[in-house]
N, C-alpha and C. Protein backbone atom coordinates (compact mmCIF):
# COMPACT_ATOMS: atom_id res chain seq x y z
N MET A 1 1.33 28.51 -46.33
CA MET A 1 0.75 27.78 -45.21
C MET A 1 -0.70 28.24 -45.02
N HIS A 2 -1.59 27.31 -44.77
CA HIS A 2 -2.98 27.66 -44.48
C HIS A 2 -3.37 27.10 -43.12
N LEU A 3 -4.60 27.32 -42.72
CA LEU A 3 -5.07 27.00 -41.38
C LEU A 3 -4.85 25.54 -41.00
N LEU A 4 -5.13 24.61 -41.91
CA LEU A 4 -4.98 23.19 -41.58
C LEU A 4 -3.52 22.85 -41.30
N ASP A 5 -2.61 23.44 -42.06
CA ASP A 5 -1.18 23.22 -41.80
C ASP A 5 -0.81 23.80 -40.43
N TYR A 6 -1.22 25.02 -40.18
CA TYR A 6 -0.88 25.70 -38.94
C TYR A 6 -1.40 24.94 -37.72
N LEU A 7 -2.64 24.46 -37.79
CA LEU A 7 -3.23 23.74 -36.66
C LEU A 7 -2.89 22.26 -36.65
N GLN A 8 -2.17 21.80 -37.66
CA GLN A 8 -1.73 20.40 -37.78
C GLN A 8 -2.90 19.43 -37.82
N ILE A 9 -3.89 19.79 -38.64
CA ILE A 9 -5.05 18.94 -38.87
C ILE A 9 -4.75 18.06 -40.07
N LYS A 10 -4.94 16.76 -39.89
CA LYS A 10 -4.61 15.80 -40.94
C LYS A 10 -5.87 15.22 -41.57
N THR A 11 -5.89 15.17 -42.89
CA THR A 11 -7.00 14.59 -43.62
C THR A 11 -6.77 13.09 -43.75
N GLN A 12 -7.72 12.31 -43.26
CA GLN A 12 -7.63 10.85 -43.34
C GLN A 12 -8.45 10.30 -44.51
N GLU A 13 -9.61 10.95 -44.75
CA GLU A 13 -10.51 10.44 -45.80
C GLU A 13 -11.45 11.54 -46.23
N VAL A 14 -11.62 11.68 -47.53
CA VAL A 14 -12.61 12.61 -48.08
C VAL A 14 -13.40 11.86 -49.15
N ARG A 15 -14.66 11.64 -48.88
CA ARG A 15 -15.58 11.01 -49.83
C ARG A 15 -16.84 11.86 -49.89
N LYS A 16 -17.68 11.58 -50.84
CA LYS A 16 -18.94 12.32 -50.95
C LYS A 16 -19.87 12.05 -49.78
N ASP A 17 -19.69 10.91 -49.11
CA ASP A 17 -20.59 10.54 -48.02
C ASP A 17 -19.94 10.54 -46.64
N ARG A 18 -18.63 10.86 -46.58
CA ARG A 18 -17.97 10.88 -45.27
C ARG A 18 -16.60 11.53 -45.37
N VAL A 19 -16.28 12.31 -44.33
CA VAL A 19 -14.96 12.93 -44.21
C VAL A 19 -14.43 12.62 -42.82
N ILE A 20 -13.15 12.24 -42.75
CA ILE A 20 -12.51 11.98 -41.47
C ILE A 20 -11.22 12.80 -41.40
N LEU A 21 -11.10 13.57 -40.31
CA LEU A 21 -9.90 14.35 -40.03
C LEU A 21 -9.42 14.00 -38.63
N THR A 22 -8.11 14.15 -38.38
CA THR A 22 -7.57 13.95 -37.05
C THR A 22 -6.67 15.12 -36.67
N MET A 23 -6.51 15.31 -35.37
CA MET A 23 -5.63 16.36 -34.87
C MET A 23 -5.09 15.95 -33.50
N ASN A 24 -3.78 15.91 -33.37
CA ASN A 24 -3.16 15.67 -32.08
C ASN A 24 -3.22 16.97 -31.28
N VAL A 25 -3.71 16.90 -30.07
CA VAL A 25 -3.85 18.09 -29.23
C VAL A 25 -2.46 18.58 -28.81
N GLU A 26 -2.20 19.84 -29.08
CA GLU A 26 -0.94 20.49 -28.72
C GLU A 26 -1.26 21.70 -27.83
N ALA A 27 -0.24 22.27 -27.23
CA ALA A 27 -0.43 23.40 -26.32
C ALA A 27 -1.13 24.57 -27.01
N PHE A 28 -0.83 24.81 -28.29
CA PHE A 28 -1.41 25.96 -28.99
C PHE A 28 -2.89 25.76 -29.34
N HIS A 29 -3.44 24.57 -29.13
CA HIS A 29 -4.87 24.32 -29.34
C HIS A 29 -5.69 24.64 -28.08
N LYS A 30 -4.99 24.90 -26.97
CA LYS A 30 -5.67 25.01 -25.68
C LYS A 30 -5.95 26.44 -25.27
N GLN A 31 -7.00 26.59 -24.47
CA GLN A 31 -7.29 27.86 -23.82
C GLN A 31 -6.44 27.96 -22.55
N PRO A 32 -6.44 29.09 -21.86
CA PRO A 32 -5.59 29.25 -20.67
C PRO A 32 -5.84 28.24 -19.55
N TYR A 33 -6.98 27.55 -19.55
CA TYR A 33 -7.30 26.59 -18.49
C TYR A 33 -6.81 25.18 -18.80
N GLY A 34 -6.08 25.03 -19.91
CA GLY A 34 -5.45 23.75 -20.23
C GLY A 34 -6.29 22.76 -21.01
N ILE A 35 -7.44 23.20 -21.51
CA ILE A 35 -8.28 22.31 -22.33
C ILE A 35 -8.42 22.89 -23.73
N VAL A 36 -8.77 22.03 -24.67
CA VAL A 36 -8.90 22.46 -26.06
C VAL A 36 -9.93 23.59 -26.17
N HIS A 37 -9.55 24.64 -26.86
CA HIS A 37 -10.43 25.78 -27.08
C HIS A 37 -11.62 25.35 -27.93
N GLY A 38 -12.80 25.82 -27.58
CA GLY A 38 -14.01 25.46 -28.33
C GLY A 38 -13.96 25.87 -29.79
N GLY A 39 -13.21 26.92 -30.09
CA GLY A 39 -13.07 27.33 -31.48
C GLY A 39 -12.39 26.28 -32.34
N ILE A 40 -11.55 25.46 -31.72
CA ILE A 40 -10.90 24.37 -32.45
C ILE A 40 -11.96 23.36 -32.90
N ASN A 41 -12.94 23.09 -32.03
CA ASN A 41 -14.04 22.21 -32.44
C ASN A 41 -14.76 22.79 -33.65
N GLY A 42 -14.97 24.10 -33.63
CA GLY A 42 -15.62 24.76 -34.77
C GLY A 42 -14.82 24.61 -36.05
N VAL A 43 -13.51 24.80 -35.95
CA VAL A 43 -12.65 24.65 -37.13
C VAL A 43 -12.72 23.22 -37.65
N LEU A 44 -12.64 22.24 -36.76
CA LEU A 44 -12.69 20.84 -37.20
C LEU A 44 -14.02 20.52 -37.88
N ILE A 45 -15.12 20.95 -37.27
CA ILE A 45 -16.43 20.64 -37.83
C ILE A 45 -16.64 21.34 -39.16
N GLU A 46 -16.39 22.65 -39.24
CA GLU A 46 -16.63 23.34 -40.50
C GLU A 46 -15.68 22.86 -41.59
N THR A 47 -14.44 22.55 -41.24
CA THR A 47 -13.49 22.07 -42.24
C THR A 47 -13.93 20.73 -42.81
N ALA A 48 -14.27 19.79 -41.94
CA ALA A 48 -14.68 18.47 -42.43
C ALA A 48 -15.95 18.56 -43.28
N CYS A 49 -16.91 19.35 -42.83
CA CYS A 49 -18.15 19.51 -43.60
C CYS A 49 -17.88 20.20 -44.93
N SER A 50 -17.01 21.18 -44.95
CA SER A 50 -16.68 21.88 -46.20
C SER A 50 -15.98 20.97 -47.19
N LEU A 51 -15.06 20.15 -46.70
CA LEU A 51 -14.38 19.21 -47.60
C LEU A 51 -15.38 18.25 -48.23
N GLY A 52 -16.31 17.76 -47.42
CA GLY A 52 -17.34 16.86 -47.95
C GLY A 52 -18.26 17.54 -48.94
N ALA A 53 -18.65 18.76 -48.61
CA ALA A 53 -19.54 19.51 -49.51
C ALA A 53 -18.86 19.77 -50.84
N ASN A 54 -17.58 20.13 -50.80
CA ASN A 54 -16.86 20.40 -52.04
C ASN A 54 -16.58 19.14 -52.84
N ALA A 55 -16.57 17.99 -52.20
CA ALA A 55 -16.38 16.73 -52.92
C ALA A 55 -17.57 16.39 -53.80
N GLN A 56 -18.71 17.06 -53.58
CA GLN A 56 -19.91 16.81 -54.37
C GLN A 56 -19.80 17.37 -55.79
N PHE A 57 -18.92 18.33 -55.99
CA PHE A 57 -18.88 19.08 -57.25
C PHE A 57 -17.84 18.52 -58.21
N SER A 58 -18.27 18.34 -59.45
CA SER A 58 -17.32 17.95 -60.51
C SER A 58 -16.89 19.17 -61.31
N GLU A 59 -17.68 20.24 -61.25
CA GLU A 59 -17.33 21.47 -61.96
C GLU A 59 -16.19 22.19 -61.23
N GLU A 60 -15.27 22.76 -61.99
CA GLU A 60 -14.14 23.46 -61.39
C GLU A 60 -14.48 24.89 -61.00
N ASN A 61 -15.58 25.43 -61.50
CA ASN A 61 -15.90 26.84 -61.25
C ASN A 61 -16.84 27.05 -60.08
N VAL A 62 -17.10 26.01 -59.26
CA VAL A 62 -17.97 26.16 -58.10
C VAL A 62 -17.28 25.66 -56.84
N TYR A 63 -17.74 26.15 -55.71
CA TYR A 63 -17.22 25.71 -54.43
C TYR A 63 -18.29 25.95 -53.37
N ALA A 64 -18.15 25.30 -52.24
CA ALA A 64 -19.10 25.45 -51.14
C ALA A 64 -18.46 26.22 -50.00
N VAL A 65 -19.23 27.10 -49.40
CA VAL A 65 -18.78 27.85 -48.22
C VAL A 65 -19.81 27.70 -47.11
N GLY A 66 -19.32 27.69 -45.88
CA GLY A 66 -20.21 27.60 -44.73
C GLY A 66 -20.97 28.89 -44.53
N VAL A 67 -22.28 28.77 -44.30
CA VAL A 67 -23.11 29.95 -44.02
C VAL A 67 -23.76 29.87 -42.63
N ASP A 68 -23.67 28.70 -42.00
CA ASP A 68 -24.20 28.55 -40.65
C ASP A 68 -23.45 27.41 -39.98
N LEU A 69 -23.11 27.61 -38.71
CA LEU A 69 -22.40 26.60 -37.94
C LEU A 69 -22.97 26.58 -36.53
N GLN A 70 -23.42 25.40 -36.11
CA GLN A 70 -23.96 25.23 -34.76
C GLN A 70 -23.17 24.12 -34.08
N ILE A 71 -22.72 24.39 -32.86
CA ILE A 71 -21.85 23.44 -32.16
C ILE A 71 -22.32 23.25 -30.73
N ASN A 72 -22.27 22.00 -30.29
CA ASN A 72 -22.47 21.69 -28.87
C ASN A 72 -21.18 21.05 -28.36
N HIS A 73 -20.58 21.66 -27.34
CA HIS A 73 -19.40 21.11 -26.70
C HIS A 73 -19.89 20.21 -25.56
N LEU A 74 -19.56 18.94 -25.63
CA LEU A 74 -20.12 17.96 -24.70
C LEU A 74 -19.15 17.52 -23.61
N LYS A 75 -17.85 17.55 -23.92
CA LYS A 75 -16.85 17.06 -22.97
C LYS A 75 -15.54 17.77 -23.25
N SER A 76 -14.82 18.15 -22.22
CA SER A 76 -13.54 18.82 -22.42
C SER A 76 -12.44 17.80 -22.70
N VAL A 77 -11.39 18.30 -23.37
CA VAL A 77 -10.24 17.46 -23.72
C VAL A 77 -8.97 18.25 -23.41
N ALA A 78 -8.00 17.58 -22.79
CA ALA A 78 -6.73 18.23 -22.47
C ALA A 78 -5.56 17.65 -23.27
N ASP A 79 -5.71 16.43 -23.76
CA ASP A 79 -4.62 15.82 -24.53
C ASP A 79 -5.16 14.69 -25.40
N GLY A 80 -4.26 14.10 -26.18
CA GLY A 80 -4.64 12.99 -27.04
C GLY A 80 -4.91 13.43 -28.46
N THR A 81 -5.67 12.62 -29.16
CA THR A 81 -6.00 12.88 -30.56
C THR A 81 -7.50 13.04 -30.70
N LEU A 82 -7.90 14.05 -31.45
CA LEU A 82 -9.31 14.25 -31.77
C LEU A 82 -9.56 13.74 -33.18
N THR A 83 -10.67 13.06 -33.36
CA THR A 83 -11.07 12.56 -34.68
C THR A 83 -12.46 13.09 -34.97
N ILE A 84 -12.61 13.71 -36.12
CA ILE A 84 -13.94 14.16 -36.54
C ILE A 84 -14.39 13.31 -37.71
N ILE A 85 -15.67 12.94 -37.65
CA ILE A 85 -16.32 12.23 -38.75
C ILE A 85 -17.52 13.07 -39.15
N ALA A 86 -17.52 13.52 -40.40
CA ALA A 86 -18.63 14.34 -40.92
C ALA A 86 -19.38 13.56 -41.99
N LYS A 87 -20.70 13.68 -41.95
CA LYS A 87 -21.57 13.01 -42.92
C LYS A 87 -22.68 13.98 -43.35
N PRO A 88 -23.13 13.85 -44.60
CA PRO A 88 -24.19 14.76 -45.06
C PRO A 88 -25.56 14.37 -44.51
N ASP A 89 -26.33 15.38 -44.16
CA ASP A 89 -27.74 15.19 -43.82
C ASP A 89 -28.61 15.44 -45.05
N GLN A 90 -28.17 16.40 -45.87
CA GLN A 90 -28.93 16.78 -47.08
C GLN A 90 -27.98 17.39 -48.10
N ILE A 91 -28.04 16.87 -49.32
CA ILE A 91 -27.29 17.44 -50.43
C ILE A 91 -28.31 17.99 -51.42
N GLY A 92 -28.40 19.32 -51.48
CA GLY A 92 -29.34 19.96 -52.39
C GLY A 92 -28.60 20.61 -53.55
N GLY A 93 -29.34 21.29 -54.39
CA GLY A 93 -28.73 21.96 -55.54
C GLY A 93 -27.86 23.13 -55.15
N SER A 94 -28.32 23.93 -54.19
CA SER A 94 -27.56 25.10 -53.74
C SER A 94 -27.09 24.99 -52.30
N LEU A 95 -27.86 24.30 -51.47
CA LEU A 95 -27.52 24.17 -50.05
C LEU A 95 -27.24 22.73 -49.68
N GLN A 96 -26.28 22.56 -48.78
CA GLN A 96 -26.00 21.26 -48.20
C GLN A 96 -25.99 21.42 -46.69
N VAL A 97 -26.42 20.38 -45.99
CA VAL A 97 -26.34 20.36 -44.54
C VAL A 97 -25.54 19.12 -44.14
N TRP A 98 -24.49 19.34 -43.37
CA TRP A 98 -23.61 18.27 -42.90
C TRP A 98 -23.57 18.26 -41.39
N GLU A 99 -23.35 17.09 -40.82
CA GLU A 99 -23.18 16.95 -39.38
C GLU A 99 -21.80 16.38 -39.09
N GLY A 100 -21.13 16.96 -38.10
CA GLY A 100 -19.81 16.47 -37.71
C GLY A 100 -19.81 16.08 -36.25
N LYS A 101 -19.14 14.96 -35.96
CA LYS A 101 -19.01 14.49 -34.58
C LYS A 101 -17.52 14.32 -34.28
N ILE A 102 -17.10 14.89 -33.15
CA ILE A 102 -15.70 14.80 -32.74
C ILE A 102 -15.59 13.82 -31.57
N PHE A 103 -14.61 12.92 -31.69
CA PHE A 103 -14.38 11.89 -30.68
C PHE A 103 -12.96 12.00 -30.12
N ASN A 104 -12.77 11.58 -28.86
CA ASN A 104 -11.44 11.53 -28.27
C ASN A 104 -10.84 10.14 -28.48
N ASP A 105 -9.68 9.89 -27.87
CA ASP A 105 -9.00 8.60 -28.02
C ASP A 105 -9.84 7.43 -27.50
N ASP A 106 -10.71 7.70 -26.53
CA ASP A 106 -11.55 6.65 -25.95
C ASP A 106 -12.87 6.49 -26.70
N GLU A 107 -12.97 7.14 -27.86
CA GLU A 107 -14.16 7.11 -28.71
C GLU A 107 -15.39 7.71 -28.01
N GLU A 108 -15.13 8.62 -27.05
CA GLU A 108 -16.22 9.35 -26.43
C GLU A 108 -16.56 10.55 -27.30
N LEU A 109 -17.84 10.87 -27.39
CA LEU A 109 -18.29 12.02 -28.16
C LEU A 109 -17.93 13.31 -27.41
N ILE A 110 -17.13 14.15 -28.03
CA ILE A 110 -16.63 15.37 -27.42
C ILE A 110 -17.46 16.58 -27.82
N SER A 111 -17.80 16.62 -29.10
CA SER A 111 -18.52 17.76 -29.65
C SER A 111 -19.32 17.29 -30.86
N VAL A 112 -20.45 17.94 -31.09
CA VAL A 112 -21.26 17.65 -32.26
C VAL A 112 -21.67 18.97 -32.87
N GLY A 113 -21.72 19.01 -34.19
CA GLY A 113 -22.10 20.25 -34.85
C GLY A 113 -22.75 20.01 -36.20
N ARG A 114 -23.43 21.02 -36.65
CA ARG A 114 -24.09 20.97 -37.95
C ARG A 114 -23.69 22.21 -38.71
N CYS A 115 -23.36 22.02 -39.98
CA CYS A 115 -22.91 23.11 -40.84
C CYS A 115 -23.77 23.15 -42.10
N THR A 116 -24.27 24.32 -42.42
CA THR A 116 -24.98 24.55 -43.67
C THR A 116 -24.02 25.23 -44.62
N LEU A 117 -23.96 24.72 -45.85
CA LEU A 117 -23.01 25.24 -46.84
C LEU A 117 -23.74 25.66 -48.11
N LEU A 118 -23.26 26.72 -48.72
CA LEU A 118 -23.87 27.29 -49.90
C LEU A 118 -22.94 27.11 -51.10
N LYS A 119 -23.52 26.68 -52.21
CA LYS A 119 -22.79 26.54 -53.45
C LYS A 119 -22.57 27.92 -54.06
N ARG A 120 -21.32 28.22 -54.41
CA ARG A 120 -20.96 29.52 -54.97
C ARG A 120 -20.23 29.32 -56.31
N ASN A 121 -20.33 30.30 -57.17
CA ASN A 121 -19.59 30.31 -58.42
C ASN A 121 -18.34 31.15 -58.26
N ARG A 122 -17.23 30.67 -58.80
CA ARG A 122 -16.00 31.46 -58.79
C ARG A 122 -16.17 32.62 -59.74
N LYS A 123 -15.61 33.76 -59.38
CA LYS A 123 -15.72 34.94 -60.22
C LYS A 123 -14.54 35.04 -61.14
């Protein structure tokens, strides 16, 4: 089991130009005040951006890892489904920059973030 399984994050689409993930809000996603923990937004954003960044590679011996993550929490959420849509801002040779936007069931923007990812070689 890995983090996506544990948090029940579902992959809807992974393409080189867009990634979509969804997550039904459960009690274990929430902070003690009954709203989704901000760290969950971070997981959703970095995960979606990482999946997109790794979709760029055809070589099996390379992968992308996040080296910077910036998040703005815009609106709290207590229930429903969160949907993240991530798109690349820049695809470079070693660095990629992706932006992720999280929406609630009413298609309101909940959180926005930017992730910088570094191309690495497997050892």
